[in-house]
Amino acid sequence: MAWHAWYQLNLAAGAVFLPLGAFDPEAQVLATADGHPRAVGYLSRLPEPTLMAVRRNPFYAGLLSAQGQPRGLVESVTGYHSYTALLAAARAEARRMDVGWVIVWQRSPDVLAYMAKTGFRFACAADGAWVYRAMAH
């Protein structure tokens, strides 16, 4: 799967765990409108082995933790046994994947802190979403 520099991450609690076929229609329309791939909605329709690969990715695992997934589960799936180590790996992984932007639809203190700790800064807000841009390395 090719990852591109633009990612939209639906930060609704439990978004990854939606039943097959359930998705955020607004995000799907945005994906269609601008042609950029999205992580939102798509994850809920991935086969289990692919979903596990995403959950093992430090950047996405840390995001799931910030959204409320039990940290013990995140640590057991990723193999990082401290939050500090997970954050360092997540920041490096975001750079490796060349994530340039993150759109935050539902803000929480944990998610906003995660954005800052993984190298993203607030860029702008529009239509109820906050846009974070990757900081220069």
N, C-alpha and C. Protein backbone atom coordinates (compact mmCIF):
# COMPACT_ATOMS: atom_id res chain seq x y z
N MET A 1 0.85 -1.17 0.00
CA MET A 1 0.00 0.00 0.00
C MET A 1 0.90 1.23 0.00
N ALA A 2 0.70 2.13 -0.92
CA ALA A 2 1.49 3.35 -0.98
C ALA A 2 0.85 4.40 -0.08
N TRP A 3 1.65 5.02 0.72
CA TRP A 3 1.18 6.10 1.59
C TRP A 3 1.63 7.41 0.95
N HIS A 4 0.83 8.42 1.07
CA HIS A 4 1.14 9.72 0.47
C HIS A 4 1.29 10.76 1.56
N ALA A 5 1.70 11.95 1.19
CA ALA A 5 2.02 12.99 2.16
C ALA A 5 0.78 13.61 2.79
N TRP A 6 -0.39 13.24 2.40
CA TRP A 6 -1.61 13.83 2.96
C TRP A 6 -2.42 12.72 3.62
N TYR A 7 -2.71 12.87 4.89
CA TYR A 7 -3.49 11.87 5.62
C TYR A 7 -4.62 12.56 6.35
N GLN A 8 -5.76 11.97 6.36
CA GLN A 8 -6.86 12.42 7.19
C GLN A 8 -7.13 11.31 8.18
N LEU A 9 -7.06 11.63 9.43
CA LEU A 9 -7.29 10.63 10.47
C LEU A 9 -8.54 11.04 11.23
N ASN A 10 -9.58 10.27 11.12
CA ASN A 10 -10.79 10.55 11.86
C ASN A 10 -10.52 10.20 13.30
N LEU A 11 -10.60 11.18 14.16
CA LEU A 11 -10.21 10.98 15.54
C LEU A 11 -11.40 10.69 16.44
N ALA A 12 -12.49 10.21 15.88
CA ALA A 12 -13.64 9.80 16.69
C ALA A 12 -13.25 8.55 17.46
N ALA A 13 -13.56 8.53 18.74
CA ALA A 13 -13.21 7.37 19.56
C ALA A 13 -13.83 6.12 18.96
N GLY A 14 -13.01 5.12 18.77
CA GLY A 14 -13.49 3.84 18.25
C GLY A 14 -13.66 3.77 16.76
N ALA A 15 -13.20 4.76 16.01
CA ALA A 15 -13.42 4.76 14.56
C ALA A 15 -12.88 3.51 13.90
N VAL A 16 -11.77 3.00 14.38
CA VAL A 16 -11.18 1.82 13.76
C VAL A 16 -12.02 0.57 14.01
N PHE A 17 -12.82 0.57 15.04
CA PHE A 17 -13.54 -0.62 15.43
C PHE A 17 -14.98 -0.65 14.91
N LEU A 18 -15.30 0.15 13.92
CA LEU A 18 -16.65 0.17 13.37
C LEU A 18 -16.97 -1.15 12.67
N PRO A 19 -18.24 -1.55 12.67
CA PRO A 19 -18.60 -2.79 11.96
C PRO A 19 -18.41 -2.62 10.45
N LEU A 20 -18.26 -3.74 9.77
CA LEU A 20 -18.04 -3.73 8.33
C LEU A 20 -19.10 -2.88 7.64
N GLY A 21 -18.68 -1.96 6.79
CA GLY A 21 -19.60 -1.13 6.03
C GLY A 21 -19.90 0.20 6.69
N ALA A 22 -19.64 0.36 7.99
CA ALA A 22 -19.89 1.64 8.66
C ALA A 22 -18.68 2.54 8.43
N PHE A 23 -18.93 3.80 8.10
CA PHE A 23 -17.84 4.74 7.88
C PHE A 23 -18.36 6.16 8.01
N ASP A 24 -17.46 7.10 8.07
CA ASP A 24 -17.80 8.51 8.15
C ASP A 24 -18.04 9.01 6.73
N PRO A 25 -19.29 9.26 6.35
CA PRO A 25 -19.57 9.65 4.96
C PRO A 25 -18.89 10.96 4.56
N GLU A 26 -18.75 11.91 5.50
CA GLU A 26 -18.09 13.17 5.17
C GLU A 26 -16.65 12.93 4.72
N ALA A 27 -15.95 12.07 5.43
CA ALA A 27 -14.56 11.77 5.07
C ALA A 27 -14.49 11.07 3.73
N GLN A 28 -15.42 10.18 3.45
CA GLN A 28 -15.42 9.48 2.17
C GLN A 28 -15.67 10.46 1.02
N VAL A 29 -16.55 11.44 1.24
CA VAL A 29 -16.81 12.45 0.21
C VAL A 29 -15.55 13.27 -0.02
N LEU A 30 -14.86 13.66 1.06
CA LEU A 30 -13.63 14.43 0.91
C LEU A 30 -12.58 13.63 0.13
N ALA A 31 -12.49 12.34 0.41
CA ALA A 31 -11.52 11.51 -0.30
C ALA A 31 -11.84 11.48 -1.79
N THR A 32 -13.10 11.40 -2.12
CA THR A 32 -13.52 11.39 -3.51
C THR A 32 -13.28 12.75 -4.16
N ALA A 33 -13.57 13.81 -3.42
CA ALA A 33 -13.48 15.17 -3.96
C ALA A 33 -12.05 15.56 -4.32
N ASP A 34 -11.08 15.22 -3.48
CA ASP A 34 -9.72 15.69 -3.77
C ASP A 34 -8.77 14.60 -4.23
N GLY A 35 -9.21 13.34 -4.21
CA GLY A 35 -8.40 12.26 -4.74
C GLY A 35 -7.28 11.77 -3.84
N HIS A 36 -7.19 12.30 -2.61
CA HIS A 36 -6.13 11.85 -1.70
C HIS A 36 -6.61 10.65 -0.90
N PRO A 37 -5.75 9.66 -0.69
CA PRO A 37 -6.14 8.50 0.12
C PRO A 37 -6.36 8.91 1.57
N ARG A 38 -7.24 8.24 2.24
CA ARG A 38 -7.56 8.53 3.63
C ARG A 38 -7.40 7.28 4.49
N ALA A 39 -6.98 7.49 5.71
CA ALA A 39 -6.94 6.38 6.67
C ALA A 39 -8.31 6.18 7.30
N VAL A 40 -9.11 7.22 7.34
CA VAL A 40 -10.43 7.16 7.98
C VAL A 40 -11.39 6.28 7.19
N GLY A 41 -12.25 5.55 7.90
CA GLY A 41 -13.25 4.75 7.23
C GLY A 41 -12.66 3.53 6.56
N TYR A 42 -11.56 3.69 5.92
CA TYR A 42 -10.91 2.61 5.22
C TYR A 42 -10.49 1.51 6.19
N LEU A 43 -10.01 1.90 7.35
CA LEU A 43 -9.53 0.92 8.32
C LEU A 43 -10.62 -0.05 8.74
N SER A 44 -11.85 0.42 8.80
CA SER A 44 -12.92 -0.45 9.27
C SER A 44 -13.25 -1.54 8.27
N ARG A 45 -12.75 -1.44 7.05
CA ARG A 45 -13.05 -2.44 6.04
C ARG A 45 -11.82 -3.24 5.63
N LEU A 46 -10.77 -3.16 6.38
CA LEU A 46 -9.56 -3.92 6.07
C LEU A 46 -9.68 -5.34 6.61
N PRO A 47 -9.07 -6.29 5.93
CA PRO A 47 -9.00 -7.64 6.49
C PRO A 47 -8.20 -7.60 7.81
N GLU A 48 -8.49 -8.50 8.70
CA GLU A 48 -7.85 -8.51 10.03
C GLU A 48 -6.32 -8.48 9.96
N PRO A 49 -5.65 -9.27 9.09
CA PRO A 49 -4.18 -9.20 9.06
C PRO A 49 -3.66 -7.81 8.67
N THR A 50 -4.35 -7.14 7.75
CA THR A 50 -3.94 -5.80 7.35
C THR A 50 -4.19 -4.82 8.48
N LEU A 51 -5.33 -4.94 9.13
CA LEU A 51 -5.64 -4.07 10.27
C LEU A 51 -4.60 -4.24 11.37
N MET A 52 -4.18 -5.46 11.63
CA MET A 52 -3.15 -5.69 12.65
C MET A 52 -1.83 -5.03 12.25
N ALA A 53 -1.50 -5.04 10.97
CA ALA A 53 -0.28 -4.37 10.51
C ALA A 53 -0.38 -2.88 10.77
N VAL A 54 -1.55 -2.29 10.55
CA VAL A 54 -1.75 -0.87 10.83
C VAL A 54 -1.63 -0.63 12.33
N ARG A 55 -2.23 -1.48 13.14
CA ARG A 55 -2.17 -1.31 14.59
C ARG A 55 -0.75 -1.47 15.12
N ARG A 56 0.11 -2.20 14.44
CA ARG A 56 1.50 -2.36 14.85
C ARG A 56 2.35 -1.14 14.48
N ASN A 57 1.87 -0.34 13.54
CA ASN A 57 2.60 0.84 13.11
C ASN A 57 2.64 1.83 14.28
N PRO A 58 3.83 2.27 14.70
CA PRO A 58 3.92 3.13 15.87
C PRO A 58 3.10 4.42 15.77
N PHE A 59 3.07 5.04 14.59
CA PHE A 59 2.31 6.30 14.46
C PHE A 59 0.82 6.06 14.70
N TYR A 60 0.26 5.06 14.05
CA TYR A 60 -1.17 4.79 14.20
C TYR A 60 -1.48 4.21 15.57
N ALA A 61 -0.58 3.37 16.11
CA ALA A 61 -0.80 2.81 17.44
C ALA A 61 -0.83 3.92 18.49
N GLY A 62 0.09 4.86 18.38
CA GLY A 62 0.09 5.99 19.31
C GLY A 62 -1.17 6.83 19.19
N LEU A 63 -1.64 7.00 17.96
CA LEU A 63 -2.88 7.75 17.74
C LEU A 63 -4.06 7.02 18.38
N LEU A 64 -4.12 5.71 18.21
CA LEU A 64 -5.18 4.93 18.83
C LEU A 64 -5.12 5.05 20.35
N SER A 65 -3.92 5.06 20.90
CA SER A 65 -3.76 5.23 22.34
C SER A 65 -4.26 6.61 22.77
N ALA A 66 -3.93 7.64 22.01
CA ALA A 66 -4.40 8.99 22.33
C ALA A 66 -5.93 9.09 22.26
N GLN A 67 -6.53 8.24 21.44
CA GLN A 67 -7.99 8.22 21.31
C GLN A 67 -8.65 7.37 22.38
N GLY A 68 -7.87 6.71 23.21
CA GLY A 68 -8.44 5.97 24.31
C GLY A 68 -8.27 4.47 24.27
N GLN A 69 -7.62 3.94 23.23
CA GLN A 69 -7.36 2.50 23.23
C GLN A 69 -6.43 2.19 24.40
N PRO A 70 -6.69 1.14 25.15
CA PRO A 70 -5.85 0.85 26.31
C PRO A 70 -4.36 0.78 25.96
N ARG A 71 -3.58 1.51 26.73
CA ARG A 71 -2.14 1.59 26.44
C ARG A 71 -1.49 0.22 26.51
N GLY A 72 -1.95 -0.64 27.41
CA GLY A 72 -1.39 -1.99 27.50
C GLY A 72 -1.57 -2.77 26.21
N LEU A 73 -2.73 -2.59 25.57
CA LEU A 73 -2.98 -3.27 24.29
C LEU A 73 -2.04 -2.71 23.22
N VAL A 74 -1.89 -1.39 23.19
CA VAL A 74 -1.00 -0.76 22.22
C VAL A 74 0.43 -1.27 22.41
N GLU A 75 0.86 -1.33 23.67
CA GLU A 75 2.22 -1.79 23.95
C GLU A 75 2.41 -3.25 23.55
N SER A 76 1.39 -4.08 23.80
CA SER A 76 1.54 -5.50 23.46
C SER A 76 1.56 -5.72 21.95
N VAL A 77 0.83 -4.92 21.21
CA VAL A 77 0.78 -5.07 19.75
C VAL A 77 2.05 -4.53 19.09
N THR A 78 2.55 -3.39 19.60
CA THR A 78 3.71 -2.75 18.96
C THR A 78 5.05 -3.27 19.48
N GLY A 79 5.06 -3.78 20.70
CA GLY A 79 6.32 -4.21 21.30
C GLY A 79 7.04 -3.10 22.03
N TYR A 80 6.51 -1.88 22.02
CA TYR A 80 7.10 -0.77 22.78
C TYR A 80 6.49 -0.80 24.17
N HIS A 81 7.36 -0.92 25.18
CA HIS A 81 6.84 -1.10 26.54
C HIS A 81 6.93 0.16 27.38
N SER A 82 7.11 1.28 26.74
CA SER A 82 7.00 2.57 27.44
C SER A 82 6.40 3.57 26.46
N TYR A 83 5.63 4.50 26.99
CA TYR A 83 5.00 5.50 26.14
C TYR A 83 6.05 6.40 25.49
N THR A 84 7.13 6.67 26.21
CA THR A 84 8.21 7.49 25.66
C THR A 84 8.82 6.83 24.43
N ALA A 85 9.05 5.52 24.50
CA ALA A 85 9.62 4.80 23.35
C ALA A 85 8.62 4.78 22.19
N LEU A 86 7.35 4.60 22.50
CA LEU A 86 6.32 4.60 21.45
C LEU A 86 6.27 5.96 20.76
N LEU A 87 6.32 7.05 21.53
CA LEU A 87 6.29 8.39 20.94
C LEU A 87 7.49 8.63 20.02
N ALA A 88 8.67 8.21 20.46
CA ALA A 88 9.86 8.39 19.62
C ALA A 88 9.71 7.61 18.32
N ALA A 89 9.22 6.38 18.42
CA ALA A 89 9.03 5.55 17.21
C ALA A 89 7.93 6.14 16.33
N ALA A 90 6.87 6.66 16.94
CA ALA A 90 5.76 7.25 16.17
C ALA A 90 6.23 8.48 15.40
N ARG A 91 7.02 9.31 16.05
CA ARG A 91 7.54 10.51 15.38
C ARG A 91 8.42 10.11 14.18
N ALA A 92 9.29 9.13 14.39
CA ALA A 92 10.16 8.66 13.31
C ALA A 92 9.34 8.03 12.18
N GLU A 93 8.30 7.28 12.53
CA GLU A 93 7.47 6.64 11.52
C GLU A 93 6.68 7.66 10.71
N ALA A 94 6.18 8.70 11.35
CA ALA A 94 5.46 9.76 10.62
C ALA A 94 6.39 10.40 9.59
N ARG A 95 7.64 10.61 9.96
CA ARG A 95 8.61 11.17 9.01
C ARG A 95 8.90 10.17 7.89
N ARG A 96 9.08 8.90 8.26
CA ARG A 96 9.38 7.88 7.24
C ARG A 96 8.26 7.77 6.23
N MET A 97 7.00 7.84 6.71
CA MET A 97 5.84 7.74 5.81
C MET A 97 5.58 9.06 5.09
N ASP A 98 6.30 10.11 5.47
CA ASP A 98 6.15 11.43 4.88
C ASP A 98 4.73 11.97 5.08
N VAL A 99 4.22 11.82 6.30
CA VAL A 99 2.91 12.40 6.63
C VAL A 99 3.11 13.91 6.71
N GLY A 100 2.43 14.63 5.85
CA GLY A 100 2.58 16.08 5.80
C GLY A 100 1.51 16.83 6.58
N TRP A 101 0.31 16.25 6.67
CA TRP A 101 -0.83 16.92 7.29
C TRP A 101 -1.66 15.91 8.06
N VAL A 102 -2.29 16.38 9.12
CA VAL A 102 -3.27 15.58 9.84
C VAL A 102 -4.48 16.46 10.07
N ILE A 103 -5.65 15.97 9.71
CA ILE A 103 -6.89 16.70 9.97
C ILE A 103 -7.53 16.10 11.21
N VAL A 104 -7.76 16.92 12.21
CA VAL A 104 -8.35 16.48 13.47
C VAL A 104 -9.80 16.95 13.51
N TRP A 105 -10.72 16.00 13.52
CA TRP A 105 -12.14 16.33 13.54
C TRP A 105 -12.68 16.44 14.96
N GLN A 106 -12.22 15.57 15.85
CA GLN A 106 -12.68 15.61 17.24
C GLN A 106 -11.45 15.78 18.12
N ARG A 107 -11.36 16.95 18.75
CA ARG A 107 -10.19 17.28 19.54
C ARG A 107 -10.34 16.77 20.97
N SER A 108 -9.25 16.31 21.51
CA SER A 108 -9.17 15.97 22.93
C SER A 108 -7.77 16.37 23.38
N PRO A 109 -7.59 16.62 24.67
CA PRO A 109 -6.25 16.98 25.14
C PRO A 109 -5.20 15.93 24.78
N ASP A 110 -5.55 14.65 24.87
CA ASP A 110 -4.58 13.60 24.56
C ASP A 110 -4.20 13.60 23.08
N VAL A 111 -5.17 13.79 22.20
CA VAL A 111 -4.88 13.80 20.76
C VAL A 111 -4.05 15.03 20.41
N LEU A 112 -4.39 16.19 20.96
CA LEU A 112 -3.63 17.41 20.66
C LEU A 112 -2.20 17.29 21.18
N ALA A 113 -2.02 16.70 22.35
CA ALA A 113 -0.67 16.48 22.87
C ALA A 113 0.10 15.52 21.97
N TYR A 114 -0.59 14.48 21.49
CA TYR A 114 0.05 13.51 20.59
C TYR A 114 0.53 14.19 19.31
N MET A 115 -0.28 15.08 18.76
CA MET A 115 0.12 15.80 17.55
C MET A 115 1.43 16.54 17.80
N ALA A 116 1.51 17.27 18.91
CA ALA A 116 2.72 18.04 19.22
C ALA A 116 3.92 17.11 19.45
N LYS A 117 3.71 16.02 20.19
CA LYS A 117 4.82 15.13 20.53
C LYS A 117 5.32 14.31 19.35
N THR A 118 4.51 14.21 18.30
CA THR A 118 4.96 13.46 17.12
C THR A 118 5.39 14.38 15.98
N GLY A 119 5.48 15.68 16.27
CA GLY A 119 6.07 16.60 15.30
C GLY A 119 5.10 17.36 14.42
N PHE A 120 3.87 17.57 14.89
CA PHE A 120 2.90 18.32 14.11
C PHE A 120 2.51 19.57 14.86
N ARG A 121 2.31 20.66 14.11
CA ARG A 121 1.89 21.92 14.71
C ARG A 121 0.58 22.35 14.09
N PHE A 122 -0.20 23.08 14.85
CA PHE A 122 -1.48 23.59 14.36
C PHE A 122 -1.22 24.53 13.19
N ALA A 123 -1.96 24.36 12.10
CA ALA A 123 -1.80 25.20 10.92
C ALA A 123 -3.02 26.09 10.71
N CYS A 124 -4.22 25.52 10.78
CA CYS A 124 -5.43 26.31 10.56
C CYS A 124 -6.65 25.49 10.97
N ALA A 125 -7.79 26.18 11.00
CA ALA A 125 -9.06 25.51 11.31
C ALA A 125 -10.07 25.95 10.25
N ALA A 126 -10.94 25.02 9.88
CA ALA A 126 -12.00 25.32 8.91
C ALA A 126 -13.11 24.29 9.05
N ASP A 127 -14.33 24.76 9.02
CA ASP A 127 -15.50 23.88 9.01
C ASP A 127 -15.48 22.82 10.12
N GLY A 128 -15.05 23.22 11.30
CA GLY A 128 -15.06 22.31 12.43
C GLY A 128 -13.88 21.37 12.53
N ALA A 129 -12.92 21.48 11.63
CA ALA A 129 -11.74 20.62 11.67
C ALA A 129 -10.50 21.47 11.95
N TRP A 130 -9.55 20.88 12.63
CA TRP A 130 -8.26 21.52 12.85
C TRP A 130 -7.24 20.80 11.99
N VAL A 131 -6.39 21.57 11.33
CA VAL A 131 -5.38 21.00 10.44
C VAL A 131 -4.01 21.18 11.09
N TYR A 132 -3.29 20.09 11.17
CA TYR A 132 -1.93 20.08 11.71
C TYR A 132 -0.96 19.76 10.60
N ARG A 133 0.14 20.49 10.58
CA ARG A 133 1.17 20.29 9.56
C ARG A 133 2.44 19.76 10.21
N ALA A 134 3.13 18.89 9.49
CA ALA A 134 4.39 18.36 10.01
C ALA A 134 5.41 19.50 10.14
N MET A 135 6.10 19.51 11.26
CA MET A 135 7.17 20.50 11.46
C MET A 135 8.39 20.05 10.67
N ALA A 136 9.20 21.02 10.29
CA ALA A 136 10.45 20.70 9.57
C ALA A 136 11.31 19.81 10.45
N HIS A 137 12.00 18.87 9.83
CA HIS A 137 12.85 17.93 10.60
C HIS A 137 14.13 18.63 11.00
